[in-house]
Each structure stands twice: as C-alpha cells, then as structure tokens.
Amino acid sequence: MREIGFDSKKYLVEQSRYILERVNQYDKLYLEFGGKLVDDKHAKRVLPGFQEDIKVKLLQKLKDQAEILICLYAGDIERNKIRGDYGITYDMDVLRLIDELRGYDLSVNSVVITRYNNQPATNAFINKLERRNIKVYKHEAIENYPLNVEKIVSNEGFGKNEYVKTEKPIVIVTAPGAGSGKLATCLNQLYHESKLGKNAGYSKFETFPVWNVPLKHPLNIAYEAATVDLGDVNMIDSFYLDHYGEMAVNYNRDVQTFPVIKRIIEKITDQESVYKSPTDMGVNQVKAGIVNDEIVQEASRQEIIRRYFQTECDFKKGLVDEEAVNRINLIMEEIDLKPEDRTVVTPAHAYAEKFETSAKGPAAVIALELPTKKIVTGRTTSLMEASASVILNAIKSLAKIDDDIHLLSPIILETIQNLKKNEMHMKDYSLDIREVLLALAISAVTNPTAQCAYEKLVELEGTQAHSTVMLSKNNEQSFRNLGIDITSAAVYPSEQLYHQ
C-alpha cells in the first residue's frame, strides 16, 4: 500500500474556506486556475494521497456560485501542441475537459480563443465548437502586452476584445496548459466589469510552487523540473518579504510581472490594489494538507527523476531544446540525484545487457516494481512487445501463477499476429499491451487462471516502470490508463525514421 503524505479531505476544507473568504470581498471574483483542473497527475505523484480530481470536488462544493471559462491560445492549435500526460493536442484536451466538467455537473460558460488572428486551424476548431453549441469568444493579441499599460487599459486594448457574459459570483478561468492567456482573459473581464460599474476582483489558484514551504524543498524543485520547457524558476517573492518581513516562494514570471499587473488592475479599478505581492494574489492552501513531509520529499525526488527521463526523450523527439536538457541536468545535480536512484532503471538495463543489439535495434526491456517491491521484467520478442510482456509477468507474479503456465493460448496470439501481418499488412506485428489485454479479457471468461490474473490488473496502479527504449504512443497511453508511471531511456527502438 502506498504511503500517504497528504490529506485530501483536510486540504479540501481549508482550500474552499479560503476561496470563499476571497469571494466575499467582491461582487464577482475571476479565479485563474493554474495547473490541471481535472486529473492533476503531477500533484498526485508528488503529494501521495492527493486525489487527482480534488480540484473538481472543490468546484462541486462551490458549483452553485461558480461557472467556468476555458482559454486556449490560437498558436497552440496551429502547432498541434501536445499535452504530455494524455498524448493529445491542446484543442482535443479542451473537448475532453468540457466533457469531464459536464460529467461533474459543472457549468462551462464558454471557450475563449486568445491571441486570435484568423488562423486557419483555429477557425476550423471554432467551427467545431460552435456547431456543438459551445459559445466561443475571440481575443486578439494586444501589442506590447503587458508593458503598454495605457494602451492595454483602453478602447484599443481590452476594449476591442469581446466581453464574456457571466452570471455567477465566481468565474473559474482555466486552460489545458501554461501560456494559454488565462491572466489576460481575467484582466480583460475586470476591464469590462469596471465599465459596467461592478466591483470585480482577481485571484490566482496555482498549486505549485507552494508559497509557504522552503524554496529548495524537493516539492518546489519538482515544479521547476516539470516546467523546464517553460523556463520557470522558483524564487523568493521580494515584494512579500519587503512588506511582511517573511519568506514566500513564487516563480520568476509572477514576480517579474507583478508591478505591471498591479498597475493594470489599479488603472482598471481606479484605486490602489489590495495586493502587496504576487503571493497575495494566490489562494493556495496545499501546505495545510501535508501530513508527512518526508514522504512528500521522497515522492518529489522521484518525480524529478521521471521528469529528467521525459525531458531527455522529448529532446530526442525534437519537442524541447537543449536549454531544457541543461536545466533538468542542473536540477538533478542541485538535489544530488542520479537516474539510477529510480529503482527500476538499473534492473531494466542490466537485463537488456544480456541480449545482443539486433539489426533492428537495441534490446527492448521494461522493468516494473510491484507493490510487493519485487521487480519483474519483460522484453520484446517476435511474439509480443516488452510492454505487453512485462504486464503479463507482473499480474502472474501478483496472482502467484507459475512462470511456466500460459495465461493465453499460443493459437489465439498467433491468430491475432497473423491478422496484423497478413490481412492488415502491418510491418510491425508483435503484440502490444492493448491487444494482449483484450486477449486476456476474452480468455478470462472461460479460463479461471486467466481470470485470476486479470483481476490483478487493478493492483498495478501507482507502480513504477522503466523501459530501455522509447515507447510507441499506444503503449505509453496504455501504461497511463493502467496508472503505471513509466519512464524511458532516450533511445529509439530501431533505426527506422518513422516510429509510431
């Protein structure tokens, strides 16, 4: 059983209370939600015990008072930006997010397309939304934002962008990821609310960095590791220190832009801002939920190593630049971590060394640590991929099924393989996770041994695994669906340029 370092129930009580205190200061509060609103897997990994849907549960407590705006930067649509933990584009993640929120009976007001400039792919996406009866607002980029305060707070700035009509006292502004224009949307709304004579306010709900834990705490460093592609750096909030005489942690973009954001808010409201620092803008109460700091620290260290492997792979795929790789290496050195500090790394590579690299590519091996701490391995063969092999070996071990016993009939597996090879004309016909698990599910109907193993799949959630080669998108997604945290060495499985 996974050790718990975070009390989600306690956090939910404290966080909702704090937000309501902030809401009571205004007629309407625009609350910028940073991080993932639904399925915050990073928080779940670094805060063992954190429920990945806790933010949605928070909104459910406030649902009679809240509605949601979803922001999406047009440039992210045009370049098909991918959300890493789901392997889907940002525009598709907006559709997924709307479905998720509706499933929780939460009110989605509309989608705001930011920095819109009549881009072709963006227009196609807008059409798709509108034909599904989802309201869409288009906000153009404002030249020299956020520095040109006079122009921004004028009819030529926020004034030319559409006002999003809202009805409830809390407006949650969220997005698939960073850089989506959430802050600009909030400020745009404050401008229009002020023109209508309403007392509207702005606050920020960022889970990380955690403002009231130390700057060099692994929890905050793990946030830096998660954002190496953005260049975010944690720092002491000098404004908070100067005004209150106490330390608070924030990140560079918030600290650097605070003076100009403060000026924009003051110009909009025509009064002095109540915020003395960027930390004051936040409503983060994560620390209230931490019940075992040692567990959180170790979980955060492991997340940093996972991010190291992810960044190395992303660089190999051309998704990040060399600066991101240099930054993650510096973070690893700063906290004195090595890739081998991830327990599944050494067993995977040690097992791979027993097999010669073939003409098709290096030996593909995956090691997986079971909840019992036992490590099982699987390798790619002509029959099945390492991903499928390690899953079968894992559930056989958990079910205490002897290695010599076949869970699946060789005839069934060969039939599937022949289908891929002969009828579907696929070049790679080794079986992947999905194909093997479908065969297992069917076999479980008539085979009690297969049924016993099948029932153990649920116990793989939260386990750790490592691959000696990069995985296909299908297998990556299958590991995510099973709740397995897997890393990969930055090595392609073959010399072929086209790798699914």
Protein backbone atom coordinates (compact mmCIF):
# COMPACT_ATOMS: atom_id res chain seq x y z
CA MET A 1 0.00 0.00 0.00
CA ARG A 2 1.34 3.43 -0.95
CA GLU A 3 2.40 5.61 1.96
CA ILE A 4 0.33 8.75 2.43
CA GLY A 5 1.88 12.17 2.82
CA PHE A 6 -1.13 14.34 2.00
CA ASP A 7 -4.64 14.56 3.49
CA SER A 8 -7.03 15.49 0.67
CA LYS A 9 -10.05 15.91 2.96
CA LYS A 10 -8.25 18.38 5.20
CA TYR A 11 -6.99 20.26 2.15
CA LEU A 12 -10.48 20.44 0.63
CA VAL A 13 -11.91 22.03 3.78
CA GLU A 14 -9.12 24.61 4.12
CA GLN A 15 -8.96 25.47 0.41
CA SER A 16 -12.71 26.00 -0.04
CA ARG A 17 -12.89 28.14 3.11
CA TYR A 18 -10.04 30.35 1.90
CA ILE A 19 -11.56 30.85 -1.56
CA LEU A 20 -14.92 31.84 -0.08
CA GLU A 21 -13.20 34.40 2.12
CA ARG A 22 -11.70 35.95 -1.00
CA VAL A 23 -15.00 35.85 -2.91
CA ASN A 24 -16.78 37.79 -0.17
CA GLN A 25 -14.60 40.83 -0.92
CA TYR A 26 -16.13 41.33 -4.39
CA ASP A 27 -19.34 41.25 -6.39
CA LYS A 28 -17.56 38.84 -8.72
CA LEU A 29 -14.21 37.06 -8.46
CA TYR A 30 -12.24 35.89 -11.50
CA LEU A 31 -10.18 32.98 -10.25
CA GLU A 32 -7.35 31.90 -12.52
CA PHE A 33 -6.74 28.16 -12.14
CA GLY A 34 -3.15 27.18 -12.89
CA GLY A 35 -2.07 23.58 -13.39
CA LYS A 36 -4.54 20.86 -14.30
CA LEU A 37 -8.12 21.40 -13.20
CA VAL A 38 -9.01 17.76 -13.83
CA ASP A 39 -6.63 14.80 -13.47
CA ASP A 40 -3.70 16.63 -11.84
CA LYS A 41 -1.32 13.70 -12.09
CA HIS A 42 1.76 15.74 -11.19
CA ALA A 43 0.20 16.73 -7.86
CA LYS A 44 -0.88 13.14 -7.29
CA ARG A 45 2.69 11.91 -7.80
CA VAL A 46 4.46 14.49 -5.60
CA LEU A 47 1.79 14.59 -2.88
CA PRO A 48 0.96 10.92 -2.13
CA GLY A 49 -2.65 10.95 -1.02
CA PHE A 50 -3.62 13.87 -3.28
CA GLN A 51 -6.76 12.94 -5.20
CA GLU A 52 -6.26 13.92 -8.84
CA ASP A 53 -9.86 15.15 -9.06
CA ILE A 54 -9.75 17.09 -5.77
CA LYS A 55 -9.94 20.45 -7.58
CA VAL A 56 -13.15 19.35 -9.29
CA LYS A 57 -14.54 18.27 -5.92
CA LEU A 58 -13.63 21.73 -4.67
CA LEU A 59 -15.62 23.26 -7.52
CA GLN A 60 -18.53 20.95 -6.82
CA LYS A 61 -18.72 22.44 -3.33
CA LEU A 62 -18.90 25.86 -4.97
CA LYS A 63 -20.90 24.90 -8.07
CA ASP A 64 -23.97 26.97 -7.20
CA GLN A 65 -21.72 30.03 -7.18
CA ALA A 66 -19.25 29.18 -9.97
CA GLU A 67 -19.03 28.89 -13.74
CA ILE A 68 -16.02 28.09 -15.93
CA LEU A 69 -14.22 29.74 -18.83
CA ILE A 70 -11.66 27.70 -20.77
CA CYS A 71 -8.84 29.57 -22.51
CA LEU A 72 -6.90 28.27 -25.48
CA TYR A 73 -4.05 30.07 -27.24
CA ALA A 74 -4.58 30.05 -31.03
CA GLY A 75 -0.87 29.37 -31.59
CA ASP A 76 -1.13 26.11 -29.65
CA ILE A 77 -3.88 24.97 -32.01
CA GLU A 78 -1.82 25.85 -35.08
CA ARG A 79 1.27 23.92 -33.95
CA ASN A 80 -0.68 20.97 -32.54
CA LYS A 81 0.80 21.37 -29.07
CA ILE A 82 0.60 18.10 -27.12
CA ARG A 83 -0.50 17.66 -23.53
CA GLY A 84 2.17 15.24 -22.30
CA ASP A 85 0.25 13.22 -19.73
CA TYR A 86 -2.52 12.34 -22.21
CA GLY A 87 -0.66 12.45 -25.50
CA ILE A 88 -3.42 14.57 -27.11
CA THR A 89 -3.37 18.04 -28.64
CA TYR A 90 -4.49 21.06 -26.62
CA ASP A 91 -7.61 21.60 -28.74
CA MET A 92 -8.68 17.99 -28.20
CA ASP A 93 -7.95 18.41 -24.49
CA VAL A 94 -10.42 21.31 -24.40
CA LEU A 95 -13.12 18.94 -25.69
CA ARG A 96 -12.08 16.32 -23.14
CA LEU A 97 -12.11 18.92 -20.36
CA ILE A 98 -15.62 20.12 -21.27
CA ASP A 99 -16.89 16.53 -21.19
CA GLU A 100 -15.21 15.91 -17.82
CA LEU A 101 -16.62 19.07 -16.24
CA ARG A 102 -20.12 18.39 -17.54
CA GLY A 103 -19.80 14.90 -16.07
CA TYR A 104 -19.30 16.54 -12.67
CA ASP A 105 -22.38 18.73 -13.29
CA LEU A 106 -20.26 21.88 -13.51
CA SER A 107 -21.25 24.83 -15.68
CA VAL A 108 -18.94 25.59 -18.62
CA ASN A 109 -19.73 29.10 -19.84
CA SER A 110 -17.60 29.22 -22.98
CA VAL A 111 -14.20 28.84 -24.65
CA VAL A 112 -12.01 31.92 -25.11
CA ILE A 113 -9.54 31.78 -28.02
CA THR A 114 -6.62 34.03 -27.08
CA ARG A 115 -4.23 35.89 -29.41
CA TYR A 116 -6.59 35.15 -32.25
CA ASN A 117 -5.51 36.28 -35.72
CA ASN A 118 -7.82 34.45 -38.11
CA GLN A 119 -5.58 31.35 -38.15
CA PRO A 120 -6.92 28.53 -40.40
CA ALA A 121 -6.73 25.60 -37.95
CA THR A 122 -8.13 27.83 -35.21
CA ASN A 123 -11.11 28.79 -37.36
CA ALA A 124 -11.78 25.12 -38.05
CA PHE A 125 -11.74 24.41 -34.31
CA ILE A 126 -14.04 27.35 -33.59
CA ASN A 127 -16.49 25.99 -36.17
CA LYS A 128 -16.36 22.59 -34.49
CA LEU A 129 -17.17 24.12 -31.09
CA GLU A 130 -19.95 26.37 -32.32
CA ARG A 131 -21.63 23.55 -34.23
CA ARG A 132 -21.75 21.67 -30.93
CA ASN A 133 -23.47 24.70 -29.33
CA ILE A 134 -20.42 25.80 -27.32
CA LYS A 135 -20.01 29.56 -27.10
CA VAL A 136 -16.68 30.88 -28.36
CA TYR A 137 -15.11 34.30 -27.77
CA LYS A 138 -12.11 35.59 -29.72
CA HIS A 139 -9.49 37.84 -28.10
CA GLU A 140 -6.80 39.39 -30.27
CA ALA A 141 -3.23 39.97 -29.11
CA ILE A 142 -2.54 43.43 -27.71
CA GLU A 143 0.70 44.95 -28.90
CA ASN A 144 3.41 45.13 -26.21
CA TYR A 145 1.24 43.34 -23.61
CA PRO A 146 1.61 43.59 -20.62
CA LEU A 147 4.00 46.56 -20.65
CA ASN A 148 1.99 49.21 -22.51
CA VAL A 149 -0.50 49.81 -19.70
CA GLU A 150 -2.05 52.92 -21.24
CA LYS A 151 -2.98 51.11 -24.45
CA ILE A 152 -3.95 47.85 -22.72
CA VAL A 153 -6.46 49.58 -20.44
CA SER A 154 -8.22 51.45 -23.23
CA ASN A 155 -10.69 51.02 -26.06
CA GLU A 156 -7.74 49.97 -28.27
CA GLY A 157 -6.69 47.26 -25.81
CA PHE A 158 -9.11 45.31 -23.65
CA GLY A 159 -11.89 47.46 -25.04
CA LYS A 160 -11.67 45.91 -28.51
CA ASN A 161 -11.84 42.36 -27.16
CA GLU A 162 -15.16 40.70 -26.51
CA TYR A 163 -16.71 40.76 -23.05
CA VAL A 164 -17.63 37.29 -21.87
CA LYS A 165 -21.05 37.44 -20.26
CA THR A 166 -21.13 35.59 -16.95
CA GLU A 167 -23.80 35.22 -14.29
CA LYS A 168 -22.27 33.70 -11.15
CA PRO A 169 -20.09 35.35 -8.46
CA ILE A 170 -17.11 33.02 -9.07
CA VAL A 171 -15.69 32.65 -12.57
CA ILE A 172 -13.07 29.93 -12.88
CA VAL A 173 -10.63 30.62 -15.72
CA THR A 174 -8.71 27.51 -16.72
CA ALA A 175 -6.80 26.07 -19.71
CA PRO A 176 -5.09 22.90 -20.97
CA GLY A 177 -1.66 24.26 -20.01
CA ALA A 178 0.57 27.26 -19.37
CA GLY A 179 0.72 30.20 -21.75
CA SER A 180 -2.93 29.92 -22.74
CA GLY A 181 -3.88 33.50 -21.86
CA LYS A 182 -5.75 32.95 -18.58
CA LEU A 183 -4.41 36.10 -16.88
CA ALA A 184 -5.10 38.33 -19.88
CA THR A 185 -8.65 36.94 -20.03
CA CYS A 186 -9.20 37.71 -16.36
CA LEU A 187 -7.89 41.25 -16.74
CA ASN A 188 -9.99 41.73 -19.88
CA GLN A 189 -13.05 40.79 -17.85
CA LEU A 190 -12.10 43.13 -14.99
CA TYR A 191 -11.90 45.98 -17.51
CA HIS A 192 -15.38 45.33 -18.89
CA GLU A 193 -16.88 44.72 -15.43
CA SER A 194 -15.48 48.06 -14.29
CA LYS A 195 -17.03 49.78 -17.30
CA LEU A 196 -20.35 48.25 -16.20
CA GLY A 197 -19.86 49.65 -12.68
CA LYS A 198 -19.28 46.28 -11.00
CA ASN A 199 -16.77 45.53 -8.23
CA ALA A 200 -14.86 42.57 -9.67
CA GLY A 201 -11.63 41.08 -8.37
CA TYR A 202 -8.86 38.74 -9.48
CA SER A 203 -7.13 35.89 -7.68
CA LYS A 204 -4.88 33.05 -8.71
CA PHE A 205 -5.10 29.39 -7.75
CA GLU A 206 -1.70 27.88 -8.55
CA THR A 207 -0.96 24.55 -6.89
CA PHE A 208 2.80 24.97 -7.44
CA PRO A 209 5.16 26.30 -6.33
CA VAL A 210 3.87 26.07 -2.76
CA TRP A 211 4.42 29.53 -1.35
CA ASN A 212 4.84 28.56 2.31
CA VAL A 213 7.29 25.65 2.03
CA PRO A 214 11.04 26.36 1.61
CA LEU A 215 12.43 27.49 -1.72
CA LYS A 216 14.69 24.42 -2.05
CA HIS A 217 12.15 21.91 -0.79
CA PRO A 218 12.00 18.97 -3.27
CA LEU A 219 8.28 19.67 -3.75
CA ASN A 220 9.04 23.10 -5.22
CA ILE A 221 12.07 21.86 -7.15
CA ALA A 222 9.84 19.17 -8.72
CA TYR A 223 7.71 22.03 -10.09
CA GLU A 224 10.82 23.52 -11.74
CA ALA A 225 11.59 20.09 -13.21
CA ALA A 226 8.05 19.88 -14.60
CA THR A 227 8.38 23.26 -16.34
CA VAL A 228 11.92 23.15 -17.77
CA ASP A 229 10.47 23.75 -21.24
CA LEU A 230 8.87 26.98 -20.00
CA GLY A 231 11.97 28.21 -18.18
CA ASP A 232 10.15 28.73 -14.88
CA VAL A 233 12.43 29.30 -11.88
CA ASN A 234 11.31 29.43 -8.26
CA MET A 235 12.42 32.45 -6.28
CA ILE A 236 11.75 34.36 -3.08
CA ASP A 237 8.91 36.83 -3.50
CA SER A 238 10.80 40.04 -2.76
CA PHE A 239 7.58 42.07 -2.61
CA TYR A 240 6.16 39.78 0.09
CA LEU A 241 9.44 39.87 2.03
CA ASP A 242 9.62 43.67 1.88
CA HIS A 243 6.03 44.20 3.01
CA TYR A 244 5.56 41.41 5.58
CA GLY A 245 9.14 40.62 6.59
CA GLU A 246 8.53 36.92 5.87
CA MET A 247 9.70 34.49 3.20
CA ALA A 248 7.32 33.32 0.48
CA VAL A 249 8.07 31.33 -2.65
CA ASN A 250 6.81 32.25 -6.08
CA TYR A 251 8.16 31.82 -9.59
CA ASN A 252 10.00 34.20 -11.85
CA ARG A 253 7.21 35.14 -14.26
CA ASP A 254 4.80 36.12 -11.47
CA VAL A 255 7.43 38.10 -9.56
CA GLN A 256 8.73 39.85 -12.66
CA THR A 257 5.33 40.86 -13.99
CA PHE A 258 3.72 41.76 -10.64
CA PRO A 259 4.44 45.52 -10.77
CA VAL A 260 2.86 45.90 -14.21
CA ILE A 261 -0.09 43.60 -13.40
CA LYS A 262 -0.66 45.63 -10.23
CA ARG A 263 -0.63 48.83 -12.31
CA ILE A 264 -3.11 47.37 -14.81
CA ILE A 265 -5.51 46.37 -12.02
CA GLU A 266 -5.18 49.80 -10.36
CA LYS A 267 -5.82 51.59 -13.65
CA ILE A 268 -8.86 49.41 -14.33
CA THR A 269 -10.36 49.88 -10.85
CA ASP A 270 -9.09 53.44 -10.34
CA GLN A 271 -7.99 52.59 -6.81
CA GLU A 272 -4.93 51.19 -5.03
CA SER A 273 -4.62 47.43 -5.28
CA VAL A 274 -5.17 45.37 -2.13
CA TYR A 275 -2.32 43.10 -3.27
CA LYS A 276 1.15 43.92 -1.98
CA SER A 277 2.84 40.96 -3.66
CA PRO A 278 2.19 38.26 -6.27
CA THR A 279 1.83 35.77 -3.41
CA ASP A 280 -1.06 37.84 -2.04
CA MET A 281 -2.92 37.18 -5.29
CA GLY A 282 -2.85 33.45 -4.66
CA VAL A 283 -5.24 31.28 -2.65
CA ASN A 284 -3.00 28.19 -2.45
CA GLN A 285 -3.51 26.12 0.73
CA VAL A 286 -1.56 22.98 -0.28
CA LYS A 287 0.66 23.06 2.81
CA ALA A 288 -2.43 22.59 5.01
CA GLY A 289 -2.83 19.11 3.51
CA ILE A 290 0.76 17.89 4.01
CA VAL A 291 0.76 15.40 6.89
CA ASN A 292 4.11 13.66 6.33
CA ASP A 293 6.84 15.84 4.87
CA GLU A 294 9.40 13.03 4.47
CA ILE A 295 7.06 11.06 2.23
CA VAL A 296 6.34 14.17 0.15
CA GLN A 297 10.04 14.91 -0.21
CA GLU A 298 10.88 11.42 -1.46
CA ALA A 299 7.92 11.40 -3.85
CA SER A 300 9.10 14.74 -5.21
CA ARG A 301 12.64 13.45 -5.74
CA GLN A 302 11.27 10.53 -7.73
CA GLU A 303 9.19 12.93 -9.84
CA ILE A 304 12.32 14.94 -10.64
CA ILE A 305 14.00 11.79 -12.00
CA ARG A 306 10.89 10.97 -14.06
CA ARG A 307 10.98 14.48 -15.49
CA TYR A 308 14.67 14.00 -16.31
CA PHE A 309 13.88 10.97 -18.47
CA GLN A 310 10.88 12.71 -20.06
CA THR A 311 12.96 15.76 -20.99
CA GLU A 312 15.72 13.60 -22.48
CA CYS A 313 13.13 11.76 -24.62
CA ASP A 314 11.40 14.99 -25.63
CA PHE A 315 14.75 16.39 -26.77
CA LYS A 316 15.40 13.27 -28.82
CA LYS A 317 12.00 13.71 -30.47
CA GLY A 318 12.67 17.39 -31.17
CA LEU A 319 9.98 18.65 -28.80
CA VAL A 320 12.25 20.71 -26.50
CA ASP A 321 15.55 22.48 -26.99
CA GLU A 322 18.97 21.83 -25.49
CA GLU A 323 18.41 24.50 -22.84
CA ALA A 324 15.63 22.40 -21.29
CA VAL A 325 18.00 19.41 -21.12
CA ASN A 326 20.69 21.54 -19.49
CA ARG A 327 18.22 22.85 -16.93
CA ILE A 328 16.96 19.41 -15.91
CA ASN A 329 20.55 18.20 -15.56
CA LEU A 330 21.32 21.16 -13.29
CA ILE A 331 18.25 20.37 -11.19
CA MET A 332 19.39 16.74 -10.85
CA GLU A 333 22.81 17.92 -9.70
CA GLU A 334 21.35 20.54 -7.37
CA ILE A 335 19.37 17.95 -5.44
CA ASP A 336 22.10 15.26 -5.80
CA LEU A 337 20.06 12.78 -7.82
CA LYS A 338 21.13 10.20 -10.39
CA PRO A 339 18.96 8.34 -12.92
CA GLU A 340 19.81 5.12 -11.08
CA ASP A 341 18.08 6.45 -7.94
CA ARG A 342 14.90 5.31 -9.67
CA THR A 343 14.76 1.67 -8.55
CA VAL A 344 13.55 0.22 -11.86
CA VAL A 345 16.30 1.76 -14.02
CA THR A 346 19.25 -0.49 -13.17
CA PRO A 347 17.31 -3.81 -13.39
CA ALA A 348 15.94 -2.85 -16.82
CA HIS A 349 19.34 -2.01 -18.31
CA ALA A 350 21.07 -4.92 -16.58
CA TYR A 351 18.60 -7.37 -18.12
CA ALA A 352 18.93 -5.70 -21.55
CA GLU A 353 22.71 -6.24 -21.48
CA LYS A 354 22.13 -10.00 -21.59
CA PHE A 355 20.79 -9.67 -25.12
CA GLU A 356 22.74 -8.53 -28.13
CA THR A 357 21.58 -5.50 -30.08
CA SER A 358 19.98 -6.81 -33.23
CA ALA A 359 20.00 -5.33 -36.72
CA LYS A 360 16.51 -3.99 -35.98
CA GLY A 361 17.65 -2.05 -32.93
CA PRO A 362 18.68 -2.27 -29.25
CA ALA A 363 17.22 -4.81 -26.85
CA ALA A 364 13.87 -3.51 -25.60
CA VAL A 365 13.37 -4.36 -21.93
CA ILE A 366 10.98 -3.00 -19.30
CA ALA A 367 11.36 -3.44 -15.55
CA LEU A 368 8.36 -2.89 -13.26
CA GLU A 369 8.32 -2.69 -9.46
CA LEU A 370 5.30 -4.40 -7.93
CA PRO A 371 3.54 -3.17 -4.77
CA THR A 372 5.38 -6.03 -3.01
CA LYS A 373 8.70 -4.33 -4.03
CA LYS A 374 9.53 -7.28 -6.26
CA ILE A 375 10.82 -6.26 -9.70
CA VAL A 376 9.64 -8.12 -12.79
CA THR A 377 10.89 -7.67 -16.33
CA GLY A 378 9.69 -8.21 -19.88
CA ARG A 379 11.42 -7.97 -23.23
CA THR A 380 10.37 -7.61 -26.84
CA THR A 381 10.22 -10.85 -28.81
CA SER A 382 8.84 -11.80 -32.20
CA LEU A 383 5.52 -12.55 -30.45
CA MET A 384 4.94 -9.53 -28.21
CA GLU A 385 6.43 -6.21 -27.22
CA ALA A 386 8.20 -5.66 -23.92
CA SER A 387 5.26 -3.54 -22.72
CA ALA A 388 2.82 -6.43 -23.08
CA SER A 389 5.30 -8.97 -21.73
CA VAL A 390 6.03 -7.09 -18.52
CA ILE A 391 2.32 -6.58 -17.79
CA LEU A 392 1.64 -10.30 -18.15
CA ASN A 393 4.63 -11.16 -15.97
CA ALA A 394 3.53 -8.62 -13.36
CA ILE A 395 -0.03 -9.90 -12.96
CA LYS A 396 1.17 -13.52 -13.00
CA SER A 397 3.51 -12.68 -10.12
CA LEU A 398 0.77 -10.89 -8.17
CA ALA A 399 -1.60 -13.82 -8.73
CA LYS A 400 1.16 -16.30 -7.78
CA ILE A 401 0.87 -18.10 -11.10
CA ASP A 402 3.89 -20.17 -12.10
CA ASP A 403 6.02 -18.77 -14.93
CA ASP A 404 5.59 -21.95 -16.96
CA ILE A 405 1.79 -21.61 -17.11
CA HIS A 406 0.44 -19.85 -20.21
CA LEU A 407 -2.28 -17.31 -19.49
CA LEU A 408 -3.10 -17.05 -23.17
CA SER A 409 -3.32 -19.78 -25.74
CA PRO A 410 -0.46 -19.53 -28.28
CA ILE A 411 -3.03 -20.23 -31.00
CA ILE A 412 -5.01 -17.09 -30.06
CA LEU A 413 -1.90 -14.92 -30.05
CA GLU A 414 -0.71 -16.31 -33.36
CA THR A 415 -4.14 -15.67 -34.90
CA ILE A 416 -4.01 -12.01 -33.84
CA GLN A 417 -0.48 -11.76 -35.15
CA ASN A 418 -1.46 -13.27 -38.50
CA LEU A 419 -4.32 -10.78 -38.75
CA LYS A 420 -1.88 -7.88 -38.29
CA LYS A 421 0.64 -9.36 -40.69
CA ASN A 422 -1.41 -10.87 -43.49
CA GLU A 423 -4.77 -9.10 -43.55
CA MET A 424 -3.81 -5.66 -42.20
CA HIS A 425 -0.36 -5.70 -43.83
CA MET A 426 1.36 -4.18 -40.80
CA LYS A 427 5.15 -4.21 -40.80
CA ASP A 428 5.39 -4.49 -37.01
CA TYR A 429 3.15 -7.31 -35.87
CA SER A 430 4.45 -8.01 -32.37
CA LEU A 431 1.51 -7.67 -29.98
CA ASP A 432 1.19 -4.55 -27.86
CA ILE A 433 -0.45 -4.05 -24.46
CA ARG A 434 -3.96 -3.40 -25.74
CA GLU A 435 -4.00 -6.47 -27.96
CA VAL A 436 -2.67 -8.76 -25.26
CA LEU A 437 -5.05 -7.41 -22.60
CA LEU A 438 -8.03 -7.81 -24.93
CA ALA A 439 -6.97 -11.42 -25.47
CA LEU A 440 -6.63 -11.83 -21.69
CA ALA A 441 -10.09 -10.37 -21.06
CA ILE A 442 -11.64 -12.78 -23.54
CA SER A 443 -9.71 -15.75 -22.13
CA ALA A 444 -10.78 -14.84 -18.60
CA VAL A 445 -14.37 -15.74 -19.49
CA THR A 446 -13.55 -19.46 -19.76
CA ASN A 447 -10.13 -19.74 -18.08
CA PRO A 448 -10.11 -19.37 -14.24
CA THR A 449 -6.32 -18.87 -14.22
CA ALA A 450 -6.59 -16.04 -16.73
CA GLN A 451 -9.45 -14.57 -14.66
CA CYS A 452 -7.27 -14.64 -11.54
CA ALA A 453 -4.50 -12.76 -13.35
CA TYR A 454 -6.96 -10.33 -14.94
CA GLU A 455 -8.25 -9.31 -11.52
CA LYS A 456 -4.74 -8.27 -10.50
CA LEU A 457 -4.52 -5.51 -13.12
CA VAL A 458 -6.05 -3.03 -10.68
CA GLU A 459 -3.09 -3.54 -8.33
CA LEU A 460 -0.70 -2.09 -10.91
CA GLU A 461 -2.00 1.45 -10.36
CA GLY A 462 0.73 3.62 -8.87
CA THR A 463 3.55 1.20 -9.72
CA GLN A 464 6.80 2.31 -11.34
CA ALA A 465 8.36 1.05 -14.57
CA HIS A 466 11.29 1.86 -16.86
CA SER A 467 11.98 1.00 -20.49
CA THR A 468 15.39 0.77 -22.14
CA VAL A 469 13.89 2.25 -25.34
CA MET A 470 11.23 4.85 -26.10
CA LEU A 471 7.69 3.52 -26.34
CA SER A 472 5.06 3.88 -29.03
CA LYS A 473 2.21 6.31 -28.32
CA ASN A 474 -0.22 3.41 -27.96
CA ASN A 475 1.87 1.70 -25.31
CA GLU A 476 2.55 4.98 -23.48
CA GLN A 477 -1.18 5.60 -23.30
CA SER A 478 -1.86 2.04 -22.15
CA PHE A 479 0.55 2.47 -19.24
CA ARG A 480 -1.20 5.73 -18.34
CA ASN A 481 -4.59 4.04 -18.48
CA LEU A 482 -3.34 1.36 -16.10
CA GLY A 483 -2.00 4.06 -13.74
CA ILE A 484 1.63 2.97 -14.15
CA ASP A 485 4.32 5.67 -14.03
CA ILE A 486 6.78 4.69 -16.74
CA THR A 487 9.99 6.34 -17.88
CA SER A 488 12.11 5.54 -20.92
CA ALA A 489 15.72 5.91 -21.92
CA ALA A 490 16.17 8.37 -24.79
CA VAL A 491 16.84 5.59 -27.29
CA TYR A 492 14.77 4.81 -30.36
CA PRO A 493 13.75 1.14 -30.62
CA SER A 494 15.06 0.93 -34.19
CA GLU A 495 16.94 2.85 -36.86
CA GLN A 496 13.74 3.42 -38.83
CA LEU A 497 12.86 7.13 -39.07
CA TYR A 498 9.11 6.52 -38.79
CA HIS A 499 8.36 5.48 -35.23
CA GLN A 500 4.75 5.33 -34.10
